[in-house]
Structures are given as structure tokens and as C-alpha cells.
Amino acid sequence: QGIPLEIYAFSSDKRWENYEYIMAD
């Protein structure tokens, strides 16, 4: 399909809702 460019990092906020928002942002 192509070249996977992976982001490997950690969000400071571990709460599920905030974590999903940060990742989507």
C-alpha cells in the first residue's frame, strides 16, 4: 500500500477522552 510513517510518542494526559482528542488533533 505504501510507506508507513509511524509516530511513536506519549501523551501527557492519560485520560481516555483527552488521549483520543490529543491523538486526533
PDB file of all heavy atoms in Angstrom:
ATOM      1  N   GLN A   1       0.812  -1.217   0.000  1.00  0.00           N
ATOM      2  CA  GLN A   1       0.000   0.000   0.000  1.00  0.00           C
ATOM      3  C   GLN A   1       0.846   1.267   0.000  1.00  0.00           C
ATOM      4  O   GLN A   1       0.390   2.316  -0.437  1.00  0.00           O
ATOM      5  CB  GLN A   1      -0.918   0.014   1.233  1.00  0.00           C
ATOM      6  CG  GLN A   1      -2.073  -0.968   1.177  1.00  0.00           C
ATOM      7  CD  GLN A   1      -1.614  -2.394   1.427  1.00  0.00           C
ATOM      8  OE1 GLN A   1      -0.681  -2.632   2.207  1.00  0.00           O
ATOM      9  NE2 GLN A   1      -2.244  -3.346   0.757  1.00  0.00           N
ATOM     10  N   GLY A   2       2.075   1.185   0.527  1.00  0.00           N
ATOM     11  CA  GLY A   2       2.920   2.375   0.572  1.00  0.00           C
ATOM     12  C   GLY A   2       3.939   2.284   1.687  1.00  0.00           C
ATOM     13  O   GLY A   2       4.256   1.203   2.186  1.00  0.00           O
ATOM     14  N   ILE A   3       4.449   3.446   2.087  1.00  0.00           N
ATOM     15  CA  ILE A   3       5.468   3.536   3.131  1.00  0.00           C
ATOM     16  C   ILE A   3       4.809   3.984   4.437  1.00  0.00           C
ATOM     17  O   ILE A   3       4.317   5.114   4.522  1.00  0.00           O
ATOM     18  CB  ILE A   3       6.564   4.556   2.756  1.00  0.00           C
ATOM     19  CG1 ILE A   3       7.143   4.251   1.375  1.00  0.00           C
ATOM     20  CG2 ILE A   3       7.658   4.567   3.825  1.00  0.00           C
ATOM     21  CD1 ILE A   3       7.903   2.949   1.310  1.00  0.00           C
ATOM     22  N   PRO A   4       4.785   3.119   5.473  1.00  0.00           N
ATOM     23  CA  PRO A   4       4.216   3.538   6.769  1.00  0.00           C
ATOM     24  C   PRO A   4       5.177   4.486   7.497  1.00  0.00           C
ATOM     25  O   PRO A   4       6.336   4.149   7.720  1.00  0.00           O
ATOM     26  CB  PRO A   4       4.066   2.228   7.548  1.00  0.00           C
ATOM     27  CG  PRO A   4       4.217   1.131   6.529  1.00  0.00           C
ATOM     28  CD  PRO A   4       5.117   1.680   5.468  1.00  0.00           C
ATOM     29  N   LEU A   5       4.694   5.662   7.800  1.00  0.00           N
ATOM     30  CA  LEU A   5       5.458   6.624   8.587  1.00  0.00           C
ATOM     31  C   LEU A   5       4.806   6.655   9.967  1.00  0.00           C
ATOM     32  O   LEU A   5       3.731   7.221  10.153  1.00  0.00           O
ATOM     33  CB  LEU A   5       5.418   8.004   7.941  1.00  0.00           C
ATOM     34  CG  LEU A   5       6.415   9.036   8.483  1.00  0.00           C
ATOM     35  CD1 LEU A   5       7.850   8.618   8.163  1.00  0.00           C
ATOM     36  CD2 LEU A   5       6.122  10.410   7.905  1.00  0.00           C
ATOM     37  N   GLU A   6       5.474   6.019  10.950  1.00  0.00           N
ATOM     38  CA  GLU A   6       4.857   5.805  12.269  1.00  0.00           C
ATOM     39  C   GLU A   6       5.264   6.880  13.267  1.00  0.00           C
ATOM     40  O   GLU A   6       6.436   7.242  13.363  1.00  0.00           O
ATOM     41  CB  GLU A   6       5.238   4.435  12.816  1.00  0.00           C
ATOM     42  CG  GLU A   6       4.532   4.098  14.121  1.00  0.00           C
ATOM     43  CD  GLU A   6       4.960   2.762  14.684  1.00  0.00           C
ATOM     44  OE1 GLU A   6       6.075   2.674  15.240  1.00  0.00           O
ATOM     45  OE2 GLU A   6       4.189   1.798  14.550  1.00  0.00           O
ATOM     46  N   ILE A   7       4.268   7.354  13.993  1.00  0.00           N
ATOM     47  CA  ILE A   7       4.501   8.291  15.102  1.00  0.00           C
ATOM     48  C   ILE A   7       4.482   7.477  16.381  1.00  0.00           C
ATOM     49  O   ILE A   7       3.499   6.792  16.687  1.00  0.00           O
ATOM     50  CB  ILE A   7       3.439   9.400  15.148  1.00  0.00           C
ATOM     51  CG1 ILE A   7       3.663  10.426  14.020  1.00  0.00           C
ATOM     52  CG2 ILE A   7       3.463  10.119  16.484  1.00  0.00           C
ATOM     53  CD1 ILE A   7       3.138  10.002  12.692  1.00  0.00           C
ATOM     54  N   TYR A   8       5.563   7.539  17.128  1.00  0.00           N
ATOM     55  CA  TYR A   8       5.679   6.824  18.405  1.00  0.00           C
ATOM     56  C   TYR A   8       5.991   7.858  19.474  1.00  0.00           C
ATOM     57  O   TYR A   8       7.106   8.383  19.556  1.00  0.00           O
ATOM     58  CB  TYR A   8       6.798   5.776  18.333  1.00  0.00           C
ATOM     59  CG  TYR A   8       6.788   4.768  19.460  1.00  0.00           C
ATOM     60  CD1 TYR A   8       6.293   3.485  19.261  1.00  0.00           C
ATOM     61  CD2 TYR A   8       7.269   5.093  20.721  1.00  0.00           C
ATOM     62  CE1 TYR A   8       6.281   2.547  20.288  1.00  0.00           C
ATOM     63  CE2 TYR A   8       7.255   4.172  21.752  1.00  0.00           C
ATOM     64  CZ  TYR A   8       6.765   2.902  21.534  1.00  0.00           C
ATOM     65  OH  TYR A   8       6.748   1.969  22.550  1.00  0.00           O
ATOM     66  N   ALA A   9       4.983   8.164  20.289  1.00  0.00           N
ATOM     67  CA  ALA A   9       5.141   9.200  21.319  1.00  0.00           C
ATOM     68  C   ALA A   9       4.181   8.899  22.459  1.00  0.00           C
ATOM     69  O   ALA A   9       3.432   7.911  22.437  1.00  0.00           O
ATOM     70  CB  ALA A   9       4.879  10.574  20.714  1.00  0.00           C
ATOM     71  N   PHE A  10       4.188   9.764  23.477  1.00  0.00           N
ATOM     72  CA  PHE A  10       3.333   9.580  24.649  1.00  0.00           C
ATOM     73  C   PHE A  10       2.631  10.887  24.978  1.00  0.00           C
ATOM     74  O   PHE A  10       3.271  11.940  25.057  1.00  0.00           O
ATOM     75  CB  PHE A  10       4.158   9.130  25.862  1.00  0.00           C
ATOM     76  CG  PHE A  10       4.673   7.721  25.754  1.00  0.00           C
ATOM     77  CD1 PHE A  10       5.837   7.450  25.042  1.00  0.00           C
ATOM     78  CD2 PHE A  10       3.991   6.677  26.348  1.00  0.00           C
ATOM     79  CE1 PHE A  10       6.314   6.155  24.931  1.00  0.00           C
ATOM     80  CE2 PHE A  10       4.456   5.371  26.248  1.00  0.00           C
ATOM     81  CZ  PHE A  10       5.614   5.105  25.539  1.00  0.00           C
ATOM     82  N   SER A  11       1.319  10.792  25.140  1.00  0.00           N
ATOM     83  CA  SER A  11       0.562  11.980  25.538  1.00  0.00           C
ATOM     84  C   SER A  11       0.696  12.190  27.035  1.00  0.00           C
ATOM     85  O   SER A  11       0.719  11.229  27.811  1.00  0.00           O
ATOM     86  CB  SER A  11      -0.917  11.828  25.161  1.00  0.00           C
ATOM     87  OG  SER A  11      -1.528  10.822  25.951  1.00  0.00           O
ATOM     88  N   SER A  12       0.780  13.436  27.466  1.00  0.00           N
ATOM     89  CA  SER A  12       0.908  13.736  28.890  1.00  0.00           C
ATOM     90  C   SER A  12      -0.371  13.402  29.650  1.00  0.00           C
ATOM     91  O   SER A  12      -0.327  12.965  30.793  1.00  0.00           O
ATOM     92  CB  SER A  12       1.249  15.214  29.090  1.00  0.00           C
ATOM     93  OG  SER A  12       2.468  15.541  28.456  1.00  0.00           O
ATOM     94  N   ASP A  13      -1.495  13.599  29.009  1.00  0.00           N
ATOM     95  CA  ASP A  13      -2.788  13.313  29.636  1.00  0.00           C
ATOM     96  C   ASP A  13      -3.171  11.869  29.325  1.00  0.00           C
ATOM     97  O   ASP A  13      -3.279  11.476  28.165  1.00  0.00           O
ATOM     98  CB  ASP A  13      -3.850  14.280  29.102  1.00  0.00           C
ATOM     99  CG  ASP A  13      -5.078  14.330  29.989  1.00  0.00           C
ATOM    100  OD1 ASP A  13      -5.435  13.293  30.570  1.00  0.00           O
ATOM    101  OD2 ASP A  13      -5.686  15.411  30.104  1.00  0.00           O
ATOM    102  N   LYS A  14      -3.396  11.067  30.389  1.00  0.00           N
ATOM    103  CA  LYS A  14      -3.676   9.640  30.194  1.00  0.00           C
ATOM    104  C   LYS A  14      -5.160   9.314  30.203  1.00  0.00           C
ATOM    105  O   LYS A  14      -5.539   8.170  29.960  1.00  0.00           O
ATOM    106  CB  LYS A  14      -2.975   8.838  31.304  1.00  0.00           C
ATOM    107  CG  LYS A  14      -1.458   8.918  31.231  1.00  0.00           C
ATOM    108  CD  LYS A  14      -0.814   8.404  32.495  1.00  0.00           C
ATOM    109  CE  LYS A  14      -0.946   9.410  33.608  1.00  0.00           C
ATOM    110  NZ  LYS A  14      -0.220   9.026  34.827  1.00  0.00           N
ATOM    111  N   ARG A  15      -5.998  10.297  30.477  1.00  0.00           N
ATOM    112  CA  ARG A  15      -7.440  10.051  30.475  1.00  0.00           C
ATOM    113  C   ARG A  15      -7.912   9.725  29.060  1.00  0.00           C
ATOM    114  O   ARG A  15      -7.504  10.386  28.111  1.00  0.00           O
ATOM    115  CB  ARG A  15      -8.184  11.251  31.037  1.00  0.00           C
ATOM    116  CG  ARG A  15      -7.955  11.459  32.538  1.00  0.00           C
ATOM    117  CD  ARG A  15      -8.516  12.770  33.004  1.00  0.00           C
ATOM    118  NE  ARG A  15      -7.799  13.909  32.430  1.00  0.00           N
ATOM    119  CZ  ARG A  15      -8.098  15.169  32.670  1.00  0.00           C
ATOM    120  NH1 ARG A  15      -9.107  15.468  33.491  1.00  0.00           N
ATOM    121  NH2 ARG A  15      -7.410  16.149  32.109  1.00  0.00           N
ATOM    122  N   TRP A  16      -8.778   8.754  28.965  1.00  0.00           N
ATOM    123  CA  TRP A  16      -9.151   8.196  27.662  1.00  0.00           C
ATOM    124  C   TRP A  16      -9.674   9.268  26.714  1.00  0.00           C
ATOM    125  O   TRP A  16      -9.226   9.381  25.570  1.00  0.00           O
ATOM    126  CB  TRP A  16     -10.193   7.090  27.865  1.00  0.00           C
ATOM    127  CG  TRP A  16     -10.505   6.309  26.616  1.00  0.00           C
ATOM    128  CD1 TRP A  16      -9.777   6.290  25.464  1.00  0.00           C
ATOM    129  CD2 TRP A  16     -11.611   5.445  26.407  1.00  0.00           C
ATOM    130  NE1 TRP A  16     -10.356   5.462  24.532  1.00  0.00           N
ATOM    131  CE2 TRP A  16     -11.487   4.933  25.096  1.00  0.00           C
ATOM    132  CE3 TRP A  16     -12.690   5.046  27.186  1.00  0.00           C
ATOM    133  CZ2 TRP A  16     -12.420   4.033  24.562  1.00  0.00           C
ATOM    134  CZ3 TRP A  16     -13.602   4.149  26.658  1.00  0.00           C
ATOM    135  CH2 TRP A  16     -13.471   3.650  25.364  1.00  0.00           C
ATOM    136  N   GLU A  17     -10.654  10.060  27.177  1.00  0.00           N
ATOM    137  CA  GLU A  17     -11.254  11.061  26.288  1.00  0.00           C
ATOM    138  C   GLU A  17     -10.212  12.069  25.810  1.00  0.00           C
ATOM    139  O   GLU A  17     -10.147  12.394  24.613  1.00  0.00           O
ATOM    140  CB  GLU A  17     -12.393  11.801  27.012  1.00  0.00           C
ATOM    141  CG  GLU A  17     -13.528  10.910  27.474  1.00  0.00           C
ATOM    142  CD  GLU A  17     -13.313  10.386  28.876  1.00  0.00           C
ATOM    143  OE1 GLU A  17     -12.144  10.391  29.337  1.00  0.00           O
ATOM    144  OE2 GLU A  17     -14.302   9.982  29.511  1.00  0.00           O
ATOM    145  N   ASN A  18      -9.384  12.546  26.734  1.00  0.00           N
ATOM    146  CA  ASN A  18      -8.364  13.536  26.368  1.00  0.00           C
ATOM    147  C   ASN A  18      -7.283  12.933  25.488  1.00  0.00           C
ATOM    148  O   ASN A  18      -6.772  13.585  24.572  1.00  0.00           O
ATOM    149  CB  ASN A  18      -7.742  14.134  27.626  1.00  0.00           C
ATOM    150  CG  ASN A  18      -8.746  14.915  28.448  1.00  0.00           C
ATOM    151  OD1 ASN A  18      -9.862  15.140  28.016  1.00  0.00           O
ATOM    152  ND2 ASN A  18      -8.362  15.321  29.639  1.00  0.00           N
ATOM    153  N   TYR A  19      -6.939  11.683  25.785  1.00  0.00           N
ATOM    154  CA  TYR A  19      -5.936  10.978  24.973  1.00  0.00           C
ATOM    155  C   TYR A  19      -6.403  10.857  23.526  1.00  0.00           C
ATOM    156  O   TYR A  19      -5.644  11.123  22.583  1.00  0.00           O
ATOM    157  CB  TYR A  19      -5.687   9.602  25.581  1.00  0.00           C
ATOM    158  CG  TYR A  19      -5.007   8.620  24.655  1.00  0.00           C
ATOM    159  CD1 TYR A  19      -3.632   8.686  24.405  1.00  0.00           C
ATOM    160  CD2 TYR A  19      -5.746   7.609  24.035  1.00  0.00           C
ATOM    161  CE1 TYR A  19      -3.019   7.782  23.558  1.00  0.00           C
ATOM    162  CE2 TYR A  19      -5.133   6.700  23.190  1.00  0.00           C
ATOM    163  CZ  TYR A  19      -3.776   6.790  22.958  1.00  0.00           C
ATOM    164  OH  TYR A  19      -3.174   5.886  22.113  1.00  0.00           O
ATOM    165  N   GLU A  20      -7.649  10.469  23.324  1.00  0.00           N
ATOM    166  CA  GLU A  20      -8.180  10.347  21.963  1.00  0.00           C
ATOM    167  C   GLU A  20      -8.227  11.695  21.270  1.00  0.00           C
ATOM    168  O   GLU A  20      -7.958  11.797  20.061  1.00  0.00           O
ATOM    169  CB  GLU A  20      -9.587   9.720  22.014  1.00  0.00           C
ATOM    170  CG  GLU A  20      -9.629   8.267  22.460  1.00  0.00           C
ATOM    171  CD  GLU A  20      -9.013   7.319  21.445  1.00  0.00           C
ATOM    172  OE1 GLU A  20      -8.815   7.740  20.277  1.00  0.00           O
ATOM    173  OE2 GLU A  20      -8.738   6.152  21.806  1.00  0.00           O
ATOM    174  N   TYR A  21      -8.558  12.736  22.023  1.00  0.00           N
ATOM    175  CA  TYR A  21      -8.606  14.081  21.429  1.00  0.00           C
ATOM    176  C   TYR A  21      -7.211  14.524  20.997  1.00  0.00           C
ATOM    177  O   TYR A  21      -7.032  15.073  19.899  1.00  0.00           O
ATOM    178  CB  TYR A  21      -9.186  15.072  22.445  1.00  0.00           C
ATOM    179  CG  TYR A  21      -9.192  16.492  21.954  1.00  0.00           C
ATOM    180  CD1 TYR A  21     -10.229  16.964  21.150  1.00  0.00           C
ATOM    181  CD2 TYR A  21      -8.151  17.364  22.274  1.00  0.00           C
ATOM    182  CE1 TYR A  21     -10.231  18.263  20.674  1.00  0.00           C
ATOM    183  CE2 TYR A  21      -8.145  18.663  21.805  1.00  0.00           C
ATOM    184  CZ  TYR A  21      -9.184  19.111  21.015  1.00  0.00           C
ATOM    185  OH  TYR A  21      -9.187  20.395  20.551  1.00  0.00           O
ATOM    186  N   ILE A  22      -6.220  14.294  21.852  1.00  0.00           N
ATOM    187  CA  ILE A  22      -4.840  14.695  21.533  1.00  0.00           C
ATOM    188  C   ILE A  22      -4.348  13.967  20.284  1.00  0.00           C
ATOM    189  O   ILE A  22      -3.763  14.574  19.371  1.00  0.00           O
ATOM    190  CB  ILE A  22      -3.910  14.411  22.730  1.00  0.00           C
ATOM    191  CG1 ILE A  22      -4.255  15.337  23.902  1.00  0.00           C
ATOM    192  CG2 ILE A  22      -2.439  14.574  22.338  1.00  0.00           C
ATOM    193  CD1 ILE A  22      -3.632  14.919  25.209  1.00  0.00           C
ATOM    194  N   MET A  23      -4.590  12.656  20.239  1.00  0.00           N
ATOM    195  CA  MET A  23      -4.124  11.870  19.100  1.00  0.00           C
ATOM    196  C   MET A  23      -4.825  12.315  17.810  1.00  0.00           C
ATOM    197  O   MET A  23      -4.184  12.452  16.753  1.00  0.00           O
ATOM    198  CB  MET A  23      -4.375  10.379  19.351  1.00  0.00           C
ATOM    199  CG  MET A  23      -3.806   9.465  18.280  1.00  0.00           C
ATOM    200  SD  MET A  23      -3.664   7.747  18.831  1.00  0.00           S
ATOM    201  CE  MET A  23      -5.337   7.403  19.348  1.00  0.00           C
ATOM    202  N   ALA A  24      -6.117  12.568  17.891  1.00  0.00           N
ATOM    203  CA  ALA A  24      -6.853  13.040  16.712  1.00  0.00           C
ATOM    204  C   ALA A  24      -6.358  14.419  16.272  1.00  0.00           C
ATOM    205  O   ALA A  24      -6.224  14.690  15.064  1.00  0.00           O
ATOM    206  CB  ALA A  24      -8.349  13.085  17.017  1.00  0.00           C
ATOM    207  N   ASP A  25      -6.067  15.291  17.240  1.00  0.00           N
ATOM    208  CA  ASP A  25      -5.581  16.624  16.920  1.00  0.00           C
ATOM    209  C   ASP A  25      -4.241  16.555  16.179  1.00  0.00           C
ATOM    210  O   ASP A  25      -4.023  17.291  15.202  1.00  0.00           O
ATOM    211  CB  ASP A  25      -5.422  17.422  18.215  1.00  0.00           C
ATOM    212  CG  ASP A  25      -4.903  18.826  17.963  1.00  0.00           C
ATOM    213  OD1 ASP A  25      -5.653  19.636  17.399  1.00  0.00           O
ATOM    214  OD2 ASP A  25      -3.739  19.093  18.321  1.00  0.00           O
TER     215      ASP A  25
END
